[in-house]
């Protein structure tokens, strides 16, 4: 099964959410590029991607990885680095009482 993202009038900031869902890690837009774009991105999903993120950016045997597809089809490059991430921590929760 092929991976596919497409849209019309998409900002690069809006592209980060579906990319983060595919990669299993946060994706930030630090391009500084403004505007809205029509785009199509096709790639071969990698079994090494998921909740743990990328375990090696080797190309899948039957097509381009999402990293290669972003570079070749959209001219974008993903760079991995450590950065602060916002977290929401819930210490306690209980069922609401009836009125």
PDB file of N, CA and C in Angstrom:
ATOM      1  N   UNK A   1       0.835  -1.174   0.000  1.00  0.00           N
ATOM      2  CA  UNK A   1       0.000   0.000   0.000  1.00  0.00           C
ATOM      3  C   UNK A   1       0.885   1.244   0.000  1.00  0.00           C
ATOM      4  N   UNK A   2       0.576   2.182  -0.849  1.00  0.00           N
ATOM      5  CA  UNK A   2       1.353   3.411  -0.987  1.00  0.00           C
ATOM      6  C   UNK A   2       0.861   4.463  -0.018  1.00  0.00           C
ATOM      7  N   UNK A   3       1.793   5.319   0.417  1.00  0.00           N
ATOM      8  CA  UNK A   3       1.421   6.478   1.210  1.00  0.00           C
ATOM      9  C   UNK A   3       1.100   7.627   0.267  1.00  0.00           C
ATOM     10  N   UNK A   4       0.142   8.442   0.646  1.00  0.00           N
ATOM     11  CA  UNK A   4      -0.262   9.559  -0.213  1.00  0.00           C
ATOM     12  C   UNK A   4      -0.772  10.707   0.648  1.00  0.00           C
ATOM     13  N   UNK A   5      -0.304  11.904   0.341  1.00  0.00           N
ATOM     14  CA  UNK A   5      -0.845  13.139   0.907  1.00  0.00           C
ATOM     15  C   UNK A   5      -1.094  14.076  -0.254  1.00  0.00           C
ATOM     16  N   UNK A   6      -2.194  14.754  -0.217  1.00  0.00           N
ATOM     17  CA  UNK A   6      -2.485  15.716  -1.268  1.00  0.00           C
ATOM     18  C   UNK A   6      -3.379  16.800  -0.727  1.00  0.00           C
ATOM     19  N   UNK A   7      -3.298  17.957  -1.329  1.00  0.00           N
ATOM     20  CA  UNK A   7      -4.170  19.030  -0.889  1.00  0.00           C
ATOM     21  C   UNK A   7      -4.027  20.249  -1.768  1.00  0.00           C
ATOM     22  N   UNK A   8      -5.004  21.128  -1.626  1.00  0.00           N
ATOM     23  CA  UNK A   8      -4.997  22.396  -2.346  1.00  0.00           C
ATOM     24  C   UNK A   8      -4.945  23.510  -1.317  1.00  0.00           C
ATOM     25  N   UNK A   9      -4.215  24.541  -1.647  1.00  0.00           N
ATOM     26  CA  UNK A   9      -4.073  25.704  -0.774  1.00  0.00           C
ATOM     27  C   UNK A   9      -3.585  25.305   0.617  1.00  0.00           C
ATOM     28  N   UNK A  10      -2.535  24.504   0.648  1.00  0.00           N
ATOM     29  CA  UNK A  10      -1.955  23.995   1.889  1.00  0.00           C
ATOM     30  C   UNK A  10      -0.752  24.854   2.259  1.00  0.00           C
ATOM     31  N   UNK A  11      -0.683  25.268   3.521  1.00  0.00           N
ATOM     32  CA  UNK A  11       0.517  25.950   3.995  1.00  0.00           C
ATOM     33  C   UNK A  11       1.502  24.881   4.469  1.00  0.00           C
ATOM     34  N   UNK A  12       2.771  25.215   4.516  1.00  0.00           N
ATOM     35  CA  UNK A  12       3.753  24.252   5.004  1.00  0.00           C
ATOM     36  C   UNK A  12       3.512  23.946   6.477  1.00  0.00           C
ATOM     37  N   UNK A  13       3.009  24.909   7.220  1.00  0.00           N
ATOM     38  CA  UNK A  13       2.670  24.664   8.623  1.00  0.00           C
ATOM     39  C   UNK A  13       1.569  23.608   8.723  1.00  0.00           C
ATOM     40  N   UNK A  14       0.574  23.640   7.809  1.00  0.00           N
ATOM     41  CA  UNK A  14      -0.497  22.634   7.815  1.00  0.00           C
ATOM     42  C   UNK A  14       0.011  21.255   7.413  1.00  0.00           C
ATOM     43  N   UNK A  15       1.101  21.199   6.699  1.00  0.00           N
ATOM     44  CA  UNK A  15       1.675  19.928   6.272  1.00  0.00           C
ATOM     45  C   UNK A  15       2.338  19.186   7.434  1.00  0.00           C
ATOM     46  N   UNK A  16       2.717  19.904   8.493  1.00  0.00           N
ATOM     47  CA  UNK A  16       3.449  19.272   9.586  1.00  0.00           C
ATOM     48  C   UNK A  16       2.624  18.225  10.347  1.00  0.00           C
ATOM     49  N   UNK A  17       1.321  18.440  10.524  1.00  0.00           N
ATOM     50  CA  UNK A  17       0.506  17.485  11.290  1.00  0.00           C
ATOM     51  C   UNK A  17       0.429  16.110  10.637  1.00  0.00           C
ATOM     52  N   UNK A  18       0.082  16.024   9.341  1.00  0.00           N
ATOM     53  CA  UNK A  18       0.057  14.684   8.744  1.00  0.00           C
ATOM     54  C   UNK A  18       1.441  14.047   8.668  1.00  0.00           C
ATOM     55  N   UNK A  19       2.483  14.856   8.507  1.00  0.00           N
ATOM     56  CA  UNK A  19       3.835  14.285   8.509  1.00  0.00           C
ATOM     57  C   UNK A  19       4.179  13.731   9.883  1.00  0.00           C
ATOM     58  N   UNK A  20       3.828  14.457  10.928  1.00  0.00           N
ATOM     59  CA  UNK A  20       4.085  13.985  12.291  1.00  0.00           C
ATOM     60  C   UNK A  20       3.348  12.675  12.559  1.00  0.00           C
ATOM     61  N   UNK A  21       2.117  12.569  12.061  1.00  0.00           N
ATOM     62  CA  UNK A  21       1.352  11.333  12.248  1.00  0.00           C
ATOM     63  C   UNK A  21       2.038  10.160  11.536  1.00  0.00           C
ATOM     64  N   UNK A  22       2.592  10.398  10.366  1.00  0.00           N
ATOM     65  CA  UNK A  22       3.271   9.340   9.625  1.00  0.00           C
ATOM     66  C   UNK A  22       4.593   8.939  10.275  1.00  0.00           C
ATOM     67  N   UNK A  23       5.305   9.916  10.837  1.00  0.00           N
ATOM     68  CA  UNK A  23       6.645   9.670  11.365  1.00  0.00           C
ATOM     69  C   UNK A  23       6.665   9.273  12.827  1.00  0.00           C
ATOM     70  N   UNK A  24       5.565   9.538  13.534  1.00  0.00           N
ATOM     71  CA  UNK A  24       5.525   9.186  14.946  1.00  0.00           C
ATOM     72  C   UNK A  24       6.355  10.095  15.819  1.00  0.00           C
ATOM     73  N   UNK A  25       6.578  11.322  15.370  1.00  0.00           N
ATOM     74  CA  UNK A  25       7.331  12.304  16.151  1.00  0.00           C
ATOM     75  C   UNK A  25       6.928  13.700  15.694  1.00  0.00           C
ATOM     76  N   UNK A  26       7.167  14.710  16.518  1.00  0.00           N
ATOM     77  CA  UNK A  26       6.789  16.070  16.121  1.00  0.00           C
ATOM     78  C   UNK A  26       7.545  16.538  14.880  1.00  0.00           C
ATOM     79  N   UNK A  27       6.863  17.326  14.059  1.00  0.00           N
ATOM     80  CA  UNK A  27       7.470  17.942  12.876  1.00  0.00           C
ATOM     81  C   UNK A  27       7.187  19.436  12.953  1.00  0.00           C
ATOM     82  N   UNK A  28       8.234  20.249  12.849  1.00  0.00           N
ATOM     83  CA  UNK A  28       8.109  21.699  12.916  1.00  0.00           C
ATOM     84  C   UNK A  28       8.425  22.308  11.563  1.00  0.00           C
ATOM     85  N   UNK A  29       7.682  23.340  11.189  1.00  0.00           N
ATOM     86  CA  UNK A  29       7.975  24.082   9.960  1.00  0.00           C
ATOM     87  C   UNK A  29       8.935  25.208  10.310  1.00  0.00           C
ATOM     88  N   UNK A  30      10.169  25.077   9.903  1.00  0.00           N
ATOM     89  CA  UNK A  30      11.166  26.119  10.121  1.00  0.00           C
ATOM     90  C   UNK A  30      11.689  26.653   8.799  1.00  0.00           C
ATOM     91  N   UNK A  31      10.885  26.520   7.739  1.00  0.00           N
ATOM     92  CA  UNK A  31      11.315  26.962   6.413  1.00  0.00           C
ATOM     93  C   UNK A  31      11.240  28.470   6.259  1.00  0.00           C
ATOM     94  N   UNK A  32      10.278  29.094   6.940  1.00  0.00           N
ATOM     95  CA  UNK A  32      10.053  30.523   6.740  1.00  0.00           C
ATOM     96  C   UNK A  32       9.301  30.826   5.454  1.00  0.00           C
ATOM     97  N   UNK A  33       8.914  29.783   4.719  1.00  0.00           N
ATOM     98  CA  UNK A  33       8.196  29.950   3.455  1.00  0.00           C
ATOM     99  C   UNK A  33       6.721  30.210   3.742  1.00  0.00           C
ATOM    100  N   UNK A  34       6.221  31.317   3.212  1.00  0.00           N
ATOM    101  CA  UNK A  34       4.814  31.687   3.375  1.00  0.00           C
ATOM    102  C   UNK A  34       4.051  31.332   2.102  1.00  0.00           C
ATOM    103  N   UNK A  35       2.746  31.282   2.200  1.00  0.00           N
ATOM    104  CA  UNK A  35       1.921  31.035   1.025  1.00  0.00           C
ATOM    105  C   UNK A  35       1.196  29.718   1.123  1.00  0.00           C
ATOM    106  N   UNK A  36       0.323  29.509   0.161  1.00  0.00           N
ATOM    107  CA  UNK A  36      -0.472  28.284   0.086  1.00  0.00           C
ATOM    108  C   UNK A  36      -0.133  27.577  -1.216  1.00  0.00           C
ATOM    109  N   UNK A  37      -0.071  26.264  -1.153  1.00  0.00           N
ATOM    110  CA  UNK A  37       0.390  25.466  -2.281  1.00  0.00           C
ATOM    111  C   UNK A  37      -0.546  24.301  -2.543  1.00  0.00           C
ATOM    112  N   UNK A  38      -0.665  23.918  -3.808  1.00  0.00           N
ATOM    113  CA  UNK A  38      -1.317  22.662  -4.175  1.00  0.00           C
ATOM    114  C   UNK A  38      -0.201  21.627  -4.201  1.00  0.00           C
ATOM    115  N   UNK A  39      -0.401  20.510  -3.529  1.00  0.00           N
ATOM    116  CA  UNK A  39       0.682  19.531  -3.461  1.00  0.00           C
ATOM    117  C   UNK A  39       0.159  18.109  -3.493  1.00  0.00           C
ATOM    118  N   UNK A  40       1.027  17.239  -3.946  1.00  0.00           N
ATOM    119  CA  UNK A  40       0.793  15.797  -3.937  1.00  0.00           C
ATOM    120  C   UNK A  40       2.096  15.143  -3.534  1.00  0.00           C
ATOM    121  N   UNK A  41       2.018  14.217  -2.593  1.00  0.00           N
ATOM    122  CA  UNK A  41       3.194  13.502  -2.121  1.00  0.00           C
ATOM    123  C   UNK A  41       2.861  12.017  -2.083  1.00  0.00           C
ATOM    124  N   UNK A  42       3.649  11.216  -2.786  1.00  0.00           N
ATOM    125  CA  UNK A  42       3.468   9.761  -2.812  1.00  0.00           C
ATOM    126  C   UNK A  42       4.765   9.098  -2.375  1.00  0.00           C
ATOM    127  N   UNK A  43       4.655   8.103  -1.499  1.00  0.00           N
ATOM    128  CA  UNK A  43       5.827   7.386  -1.005  1.00  0.00           C
ATOM    129  C   UNK A  43       5.437   5.965  -0.645  1.00  0.00           C
ATOM    130  N   UNK A  44       6.441   5.151  -0.370  1.00  0.00           N
ATOM    131  CA  UNK A  44       6.230   3.788   0.085  1.00  0.00           C
ATOM    132  C   UNK A  44       6.441   3.763   1.591  1.00  0.00           C
ATOM    133  N   UNK A  45       5.406   3.446   2.365  1.00  0.00           N
ATOM    134  CA  UNK A  45       5.561   3.403   3.825  1.00  0.00           C
ATOM    135  C   UNK A  45       6.649   2.419   4.238  1.00  0.00           C
ATOM    136  N   UNK A  46       7.368   2.793   5.285  1.00  0.00           N
ATOM    137  CA  UNK A  46       8.477   2.006   5.798  1.00  0.00           C
ATOM    138  C   UNK A  46       8.040   1.328   7.090  1.00  0.00           C
ATOM    139  N   UNK A  47       8.228   0.027   7.184  1.00  0.00           N
ATOM    140  CA  UNK A  47       7.844  -0.706   8.391  1.00  0.00           C
ATOM    141  C   UNK A  47       8.645  -0.257   9.607  1.00  0.00           C
ATOM    142  N   UNK A  48       9.798   0.412   9.397  1.00  0.00           N
ATOM    143  CA  UNK A  48      10.614   0.886  10.512  1.00  0.00           C
ATOM    144  C   UNK A  48      10.105   2.186  11.108  1.00  0.00           C
ATOM    145  N   UNK A  49       9.093   2.814  10.486  1.00  0.00           N
ATOM    146  CA  UNK A  49       8.541   4.045  11.039  1.00  0.00           C
ATOM    147  C   UNK A  49       7.333   3.717  11.882  1.00  0.00           C
ATOM    148  N   UNK A  50       7.079   4.564  12.855  1.00  0.00           N
ATOM    149  CA  UNK A  50       5.920   4.364  13.708  1.00  0.00           C
ATOM    150  C   UNK A  50       6.091   5.162  14.972  1.00  0.00           C
ATOM    151  N   UNK A  51       5.541   4.680  16.052  1.00  0.00           N
ATOM    152  CA  UNK A  51       5.559   5.424  17.307  1.00  0.00           C
ATOM    153  C   UNK A  51       6.983   5.705  17.785  1.00  0.00           C
ATOM    154  N   UNK A  52       7.926   4.872  17.404  1.00  0.00           N
ATOM    155  CA  UNK A  52       9.304   5.077  17.824  1.00  0.00           C
ATOM    156  C   UNK A  52      10.069   5.992  16.875  1.00  0.00           C
ATOM    157  N   UNK A  53       9.457   6.427  15.784  1.00  0.00           N
ATOM    158  CA  UNK A  53      10.138   7.285  14.823  1.00  0.00           C
ATOM    159  C   UNK A  53      10.970   6.467  13.856  1.00  0.00           C
ATOM    160  N   UNK A  54      11.887   7.122  13.197  1.00  0.00           N
ATOM    161  CA  UNK A  54      12.714   6.493  12.180  1.00  0.00           C
ATOM    162  C   UNK A  54      13.805   5.664  12.825  1.00  0.00           C
ATOM    163  N   UNK A  55      13.951   4.433  12.401  1.00  0.00           N
ATOM    164  CA  UNK A  55      15.012   3.564  12.905  1.00  0.00           C
ATOM    165  C   UNK A  55      16.075   3.371  11.838  1.00  0.00           C
ATOM    166  N   UNK A  56      16.164   4.285  10.921  1.00  0.00           N
ATOM    167  CA  UNK A  56      17.110   4.179   9.819  1.00  0.00           C
ATOM    168  C   UNK A  56      16.422   4.608   8.555  1.00  0.00           C
ATOM    169  N   UNK A  57      17.011   5.537   7.819  1.00  0.00           N
ATOM    170  CA  UNK A  57      16.347   6.116   6.669  1.00  0.00           C
ATOM    171  C   UNK A  57      16.657   5.370   5.374  1.00  0.00           C
ATOM    172  N   UNK A  58      16.800   4.052   5.450  1.00  0.00           N
ATOM    173  CA  UNK A  58      17.031   3.255   4.248  1.00  0.00           C
ATOM    174  C   UNK A  58      15.786   3.278   3.381  1.00  0.00           C
ATOM    175  N   UNK A  59      15.984   3.229   2.077  1.00  0.00           N
ATOM    176  CA  UNK A  59      14.865   3.222   1.136  1.00  0.00           C
ATOM    177  C   UNK A  59      14.124   1.897   1.213  1.00  0.00           C
ATOM    178  N   UNK A  60      12.776   1.935   1.235  1.00  0.00           N
ATOM    179  CA  UNK A  60      12.027   0.689   1.107  1.00  0.00           C
ATOM    180  C   UNK A  60      12.373   0.030  -0.231  1.00  0.00           C
ATOM    181  N   UNK A  61      12.304  -1.279  -0.269  1.00  0.00           N
ATOM    182  CA  UNK A  61      12.716  -2.007  -1.472  1.00  0.00           C
ATOM    183  C   UNK A  61      11.875  -1.677  -2.699  1.00  0.00           C
ATOM    184  N   UNK A  62      10.611  -1.286  -2.500  1.00  0.00           N
ATOM    185  CA  UNK A  62       9.722  -1.101  -3.643  1.00  0.00           C
ATOM    186  C   UNK A  62       9.332   0.355  -3.911  1.00  0.00           C
ATOM    187  N   UNK A  63      10.144   1.325  -3.486  1.00  0.00           N
ATOM    188  CA  UNK A  63       9.828   2.716  -3.797  1.00  0.00           C
ATOM    189  C   UNK A  63      10.523   3.689  -2.877  1.00  0.00           C
ATOM    190  N   UNK A  64      10.205   4.971  -3.041  1.00  0.00           N
ATOM    191  CA  UNK A  64      10.843   6.035  -2.284  1.00  0.00           C
ATOM    192  C   UNK A  64      10.296   6.121  -0.865  1.00  0.00           C
ATOM    193  N   UNK A  65      11.191   6.363   0.089  1.00  0.00           N
ATOM    194  CA  UNK A  65      10.771   6.608   1.461  1.00  0.00           C
ATOM    195  C   UNK A  65      10.108   7.977   1.536  1.00  0.00           C
ATOM    196  N   UNK A  66       9.447   8.256   2.642  1.00  0.00           N
ATOM    197  CA  UNK A  66       8.818   9.563   2.811  1.00  0.00           C
ATOM    198  C   UNK A  66       9.872  10.668   2.809  1.00  0.00           C
ATOM    199  N   UNK A  67      11.080  10.384   3.292  1.00  0.00           N
ATOM    200  CA  UNK A  67      12.165  11.368   3.314  1.00  0.00           C
ATOM    201  C   UNK A  67      12.593  11.728   1.893  1.00  0.00           C
ATOM    202  N   UNK A  68      12.773  10.717   1.061  1.00  0.00           N
ATOM    203  CA  UNK A  68      13.160  10.933  -0.338  1.00  0.00           C
ATOM    204  C   UNK A  68      12.034  11.596  -1.113  1.00  0.00           C
ATOM    205  N   UNK A  69      10.804  11.163  -0.875  1.00  0.00           N
ATOM    206  CA  UNK A  69       9.655  11.741  -1.583  1.00  0.00           C
ATOM    207  C   UNK A  69       9.517  13.231  -1.262  1.00  0.00           C
ATOM    208  N   UNK A  70       9.678  13.611  -0.002  1.00  0.00           N
ATOM    209  CA  UNK A  70       9.606  15.028   0.361  1.00  0.00           C
ATOM    210  C   UNK A  70      10.672  15.837  -0.377  1.00  0.00           C
ATOM    211  N   UNK A  71      11.878  15.310  -0.421  1.00  0.00           N
ATOM    212  CA  UNK A  71      12.988  16.008  -1.077  1.00  0.00           C
ATOM    213  C   UNK A  71      12.776  16.091  -2.586  1.00  0.00           C
ATOM    214  N   UNK A  72      12.436  14.981  -3.218  1.00  0.00           N
ATOM    215  CA  UNK A  72      12.335  14.947  -4.678  1.00  0.00           C
ATOM    216  C   UNK A  72      11.041  15.558  -5.210  1.00  0.00           C
ATOM    217  N   UNK A  73       9.924  15.366  -4.510  1.00  0.00           N
ATOM    218  CA  UNK A  73       8.635  15.821  -5.027  1.00  0.00           C
ATOM    219  C   UNK A  73       8.257  17.227  -4.568  1.00  0.00           C
ATOM    220  N   UNK A  74       8.697  17.621  -3.361  1.00  0.00           N
ATOM    221  CA  UNK A  74       8.311  18.932  -2.839  1.00  0.00           C
ATOM    222  C   UNK A  74       9.499  19.854  -2.570  1.00  0.00           C
ATOM    223  N   UNK A  75      10.712  19.330  -2.683  1.00  0.00           N
ATOM    224  CA  UNK A  75      11.891  20.158  -2.426  1.00  0.00           C
ATOM    225  C   UNK A  75      12.092  20.477  -0.957  1.00  0.00           C
ATOM    226  N   UNK A  76      11.578  19.630  -0.071  1.00  0.00           N
ATOM    227  CA  UNK A  76      11.697  19.830   1.368  1.00  0.00           C
ATOM    228  C   UNK A  76      12.594  18.759   1.970  1.00  0.00           C
ATOM    229  N   UNK A  77      13.278  19.113   3.030  1.00  0.00           N
ATOM    230  CA  UNK A  77      14.161  18.155   3.698  1.00  0.00           C
ATOM    231  C   UNK A  77      13.820  18.092   5.174  1.00  0.00           C
ATOM    232  N   UNK A  78      13.640  16.887   5.682  1.00  0.00           N
ATOM    233  CA  UNK A  78      13.427  16.688   7.112  1.00  0.00           C
ATOM    234  C   UNK A  78      14.770  16.498   7.786  1.00  0.00           C
ATOM    235  N   UNK A  79      14.988  17.227   8.870  1.00  0.00           N
ATOM    236  CA  UNK A  79      16.202  17.076   9.655  1.00  0.00           C
ATOM    237  C   UNK A  79      15.816  16.665  11.063  1.00  0.00           C
ATOM    238  N   UNK A  80      16.487  15.671  11.578  1.00  0.00           N
ATOM    239  CA  UNK A  80      16.222  15.200  12.929  1.00  0.00           C
ATOM    240  C   UNK A  80      17.130  15.942  13.905  1.00  0.00           C
ATOM    241  N   UNK A  81      16.532  16.452  14.982  1.00  0.00           N
ATOM    242  CA  UNK A  81      17.316  17.090  16.036  1.00  0.00           C
ATOM    243  C   UNK A  81      16.515  17.111  17.318  1.00  0.00           C
ATOM    244  N   UNK A  82      17.211  17.359  18.397  1.00  0.00           N
ATOM    245  CA  UNK A  82      16.558  17.430  19.697  1.00  0.00           C
ATOM    246  C   UNK A  82      16.114  18.865  19.936  1.00  0.00           C
ATOM    247  N   UNK A  83      14.882  19.000  20.445  1.00  0.00           N
ATOM    248  CA  UNK A  83      14.327  20.313  20.747  1.00  0.00           C
ATOM    249  C   UNK A  83      13.285  20.146  21.843  1.00  0.00           C
ATOM    250  N   UNK A  84      13.008  21.215  22.581  1.00  0.00           N
ATOM    251  CA  UNK A  84      11.963  21.130  23.609  1.00  0.00           C
ATOM    252  C   UNK A  84      10.601  20.860  22.977  1.00  0.00           C
ATOM    253  N   UNK A  85       9.787  20.067  23.661  1.00  0.00           N
ATOM    254  CA  UNK A  85       8.450  19.729  23.191  1.00  0.00           C
ATOM    255  C   UNK A  85       7.470  19.981  24.331  1.00  0.00           C
ATOM    256  N   UNK A  86       6.330  20.601  24.012  1.00  0.00           N
ATOM    257  CA  UNK A  86       5.308  20.831  25.022  1.00  0.00           C
ATOM    258  C   UNK A  86       4.615  19.520  25.369  1.00  0.00           C
ATOM    259  N   UNK A  87       4.394  19.301  26.658  1.00  0.00           N
ATOM    260  CA  UNK A  87       3.699  18.113  27.131  1.00  0.00           C
ATOM    261  C   UNK A  87       2.571  18.529  28.057  1.00  0.00           C
ATOM    262  N   UNK A  88       1.499  17.785  28.051  1.00  0.00           N
ATOM    263  CA  UNK A  88       0.406  17.971  28.988  1.00  0.00           C
ATOM    264  C   UNK A  88       0.398  16.758  29.904  1.00  0.00           C
ATOM    265  N   UNK A  89       0.554  17.000  31.194  1.00  0.00           N
ATOM    266  CA  UNK A  89       0.600  15.908  32.168  1.00  0.00           C
ATOM    267  C   UNK A  89      -0.650  15.992  33.031  1.00  0.00           C
ATOM    268  N   UNK A  90      -1.411  14.903  33.091  1.00  0.00           N
ATOM    269  CA  UNK A  90      -2.611  14.826  33.925  1.00  0.00           C
ATOM    270  C   UNK A  90      -2.237  14.026  35.160  1.00  0.00           C
ATOM    271  N   UNK A  91      -2.291  14.694  36.322  1.00  0.00           N
ATOM    272  CA  UNK A  91      -1.940  14.035  37.574  1.00  0.00           C
ATOM    273  C   UNK A  91      -3.090  13.250  38.184  1.00  0.00           C
ATOM    274  N   UNK A  92      -4.324  13.703  37.907  1.00  0.00           N
ATOM    275  CA  UNK A  92      -5.463  13.078  38.567  1.00  0.00           C
ATOM    276  C   UNK A  92      -6.718  13.320  37.751  1.00  0.00           C
ATOM    277  N   UNK A  93      -7.600  12.362  37.702  1.00  0.00           N
ATOM    278  CA  UNK A  93      -8.894  12.507  37.024  1.00  0.00           C
ATOM    279  C   UNK A  93      -9.927  11.674  37.759  1.00  0.00           C
ATOM    280  N   UNK A  94     -11.158  12.156  37.801  1.00  0.00           N
ATOM    281  CA  UNK A  94     -12.234  11.381  38.410  1.00  0.00           C
ATOM    282  C   UNK A  94     -13.520  11.645  37.646  1.00  0.00           C
ATOM    283  N   UNK A  95     -14.466  10.735  37.808  1.00  0.00           N
ATOM    284  CA  UNK A  95     -15.760  10.880  37.157  1.00  0.00           C
ATOM    285  C   UNK A  95     -16.492  12.074  37.765  1.00  0.00           C
ATOM    286  N   UNK A  96     -17.200  12.859  36.955  1.00  0.00           N
ATOM    287  CA  UNK A  96     -17.962  13.977  37.502  1.00  0.00           C
ATOM    288  C   UNK A  96     -19.144  13.456  38.337  1.00  0.00           C
ATOM    289  N   UNK A  97     -19.492  14.218  39.362  1.00  0.00           N
ATOM    290  CA  UNK A  97     -20.638  13.820  40.196  1.00  0.00           C
ATOM    291  C   UNK A  97     -21.931  14.252  39.520  1.00  0.00           C
ATOM    292  N   UNK A  98     -23.014  13.472  39.693  1.00  0.00           N
ATOM    293  CA  UNK A  98     -24.304  13.851  39.085  1.00  0.00           C
ATOM    294  C   UNK A  98     -24.844  15.106  39.747  1.00  0.00           C
ATOM    295  N   UNK A  99     -25.571  15.920  38.969  1.00  0.00           N
ATOM    296  CA  UNK A  99     -26.134  17.176  39.510  1.00  0.00           C
ATOM    297  C   UNK A  99     -27.359  16.938  40.283  1.00  0.00           C
TER     298      UNK A  99
END
